[in-house]
């Protein structure tokens, strides 16, 4: 029983080390750069504008 606990803890530590060494966050993803965030924000703004344009066309 004690061996199972030790193996479980060692496995968790190994997974944590692997994730950290590959730059993963606790949520499992990789951190985004400021440029990536800004690009996505720009794309989101463009998508919102297109959706507003589309809804205004349908209302006419």
C-alpha atoms as a PDB file:
ATOM      1  CA  UNK A   1       0.000   0.000   0.000  1.00  0.00           C
ATOM      2  CA  UNK A   2       2.809   2.399   0.840  1.00  0.00           C
ATOM      3  CA  UNK A   3       4.504   1.509  -2.449  1.00  0.00           C
ATOM      4  CA  UNK A   4       1.339   2.466  -4.375  1.00  0.00           C
ATOM      5  CA  UNK A   5       1.308   5.873  -2.708  1.00  0.00           C
ATOM      6  CA  UNK A   6       4.976   6.470  -3.452  1.00  0.00           C
ATOM      7  CA  UNK A   7       4.540   5.443  -7.101  1.00  0.00           C
ATOM      8  CA  UNK A   8       1.489   7.686  -7.439  1.00  0.00           C
ATOM      9  CA  UNK A   9       3.347  10.702  -6.037  1.00  0.00           C
ATOM     10  CA  UNK A  10       6.369  10.006  -8.247  1.00  0.00           C
ATOM     11  CA  UNK A  11       4.116   9.747 -11.306  1.00  0.00           C
ATOM     12  CA  UNK A  12       2.445  13.065 -10.493  1.00  0.00           C
ATOM     13  CA  UNK A  13       5.823  14.747  -9.988  1.00  0.00           C
ATOM     14  CA  UNK A  14       7.108  13.367 -13.287  1.00  0.00           C
ATOM     15  CA  UNK A  15       4.028  14.667 -15.153  1.00  0.00           C
ATOM     16  CA  UNK A  16       4.382  18.079 -13.507  1.00  0.00           C
ATOM     17  CA  UNK A  17       8.057  18.257 -14.474  1.00  0.00           C
ATOM     18  CA  UNK A  18       7.260  17.211 -18.073  1.00  0.00           C
ATOM     19  CA  UNK A  19       4.553  19.865 -18.392  1.00  0.00           C
ATOM     20  CA  UNK A  20       6.767  22.604 -16.951  1.00  0.00           C
ATOM     21  CA  UNK A  21       9.703  21.655 -19.168  1.00  0.00           C
ATOM     22  CA  UNK A  22       7.458  21.963 -22.244  1.00  0.00           C
ATOM     23  CA  UNK A  23       6.119  25.363 -21.191  1.00  0.00           C
ATOM     24  CA  UNK A  24       2.599  24.179 -20.417  1.00  0.00           C
ATOM     25  CA  UNK A  25       0.413  25.984 -17.919  1.00  0.00           C
ATOM     26  CA  UNK A  26      -1.584  24.254 -15.199  1.00  0.00           C
ATOM     27  CA  UNK A  27      -4.629  24.374 -17.468  1.00  0.00           C
ATOM     28  CA  UNK A  28      -2.708  22.288 -19.994  1.00  0.00           C
ATOM     29  CA  UNK A  29      -2.205  24.910 -22.685  1.00  0.00           C
ATOM     30  CA  UNK A  30       0.818  26.884 -23.707  1.00  0.00           C
ATOM     31  CA  UNK A  31       1.217  30.528 -22.764  1.00  0.00           C
ATOM     32  CA  UNK A  32       0.341  33.036 -25.497  1.00  0.00           C
ATOM     33  CA  UNK A  33       2.629  35.865 -26.524  1.00  0.00           C
ATOM     34  CA  UNK A  34       1.412  39.463 -26.482  1.00  0.00           C
ATOM     35  CA  UNK A  35       1.491  39.498 -30.301  1.00  0.00           C
ATOM     36  CA  UNK A  36      -0.737  36.412 -30.461  1.00  0.00           C
ATOM     37  CA  UNK A  37      -3.211  37.956 -28.047  1.00  0.00           C
ATOM     38  CA  UNK A  38      -3.321  41.215 -29.997  1.00  0.00           C
ATOM     39  CA  UNK A  39      -3.842  39.324 -33.274  1.00  0.00           C
ATOM     40  CA  UNK A  40      -6.742  37.369 -31.780  1.00  0.00           C
ATOM     41  CA  UNK A  41      -8.291  40.539 -30.354  1.00  0.00           C
ATOM     42  CA  UNK A  42      -8.113  42.162 -33.803  1.00  0.00           C
ATOM     43  CA  UNK A  43      -9.685  39.117 -35.443  1.00  0.00           C
ATOM     44  CA  UNK A  44     -12.446  39.089 -32.832  1.00  0.00           C
ATOM     45  CA  UNK A  45     -13.198  42.758 -33.486  1.00  0.00           C
ATOM     46  CA  UNK A  46     -13.404  42.044 -37.223  1.00  0.00           C
ATOM     47  CA  UNK A  47     -15.732  39.080 -36.648  1.00  0.00           C
ATOM     48  CA  UNK A  48     -18.001  41.179 -34.436  1.00  0.00           C
ATOM     49  CA  UNK A  49     -18.166  43.895 -37.101  1.00  0.00           C
ATOM     50  CA  UNK A  50     -19.075  41.343 -39.763  1.00  0.00           C
ATOM     51  CA  UNK A  51     -21.802  39.868 -37.552  1.00  0.00           C
ATOM     52  CA  UNK A  52     -23.283  43.317 -36.889  1.00  0.00           C
ATOM     53  CA  UNK A  53     -23.209  44.048 -40.616  1.00  0.00           C
ATOM     54  CA  UNK A  54     -24.878  40.733 -41.375  1.00  0.00           C
ATOM     55  CA  UNK A  55     -27.666  41.266 -38.829  1.00  0.00           C
ATOM     56  CA  UNK A  56     -28.342  44.779 -40.081  1.00  0.00           C
ATOM     57  CA  UNK A  57     -28.681  43.459 -43.662  1.00  0.00           C
ATOM     58  CA  UNK A  58     -31.165  40.795 -42.513  1.00  0.00           C
ATOM     59  CA  UNK A  59     -33.275  43.422 -40.703  1.00  0.00           C
ATOM     60  CA  UNK A  60     -33.721  45.476 -43.892  1.00  0.00           C
END
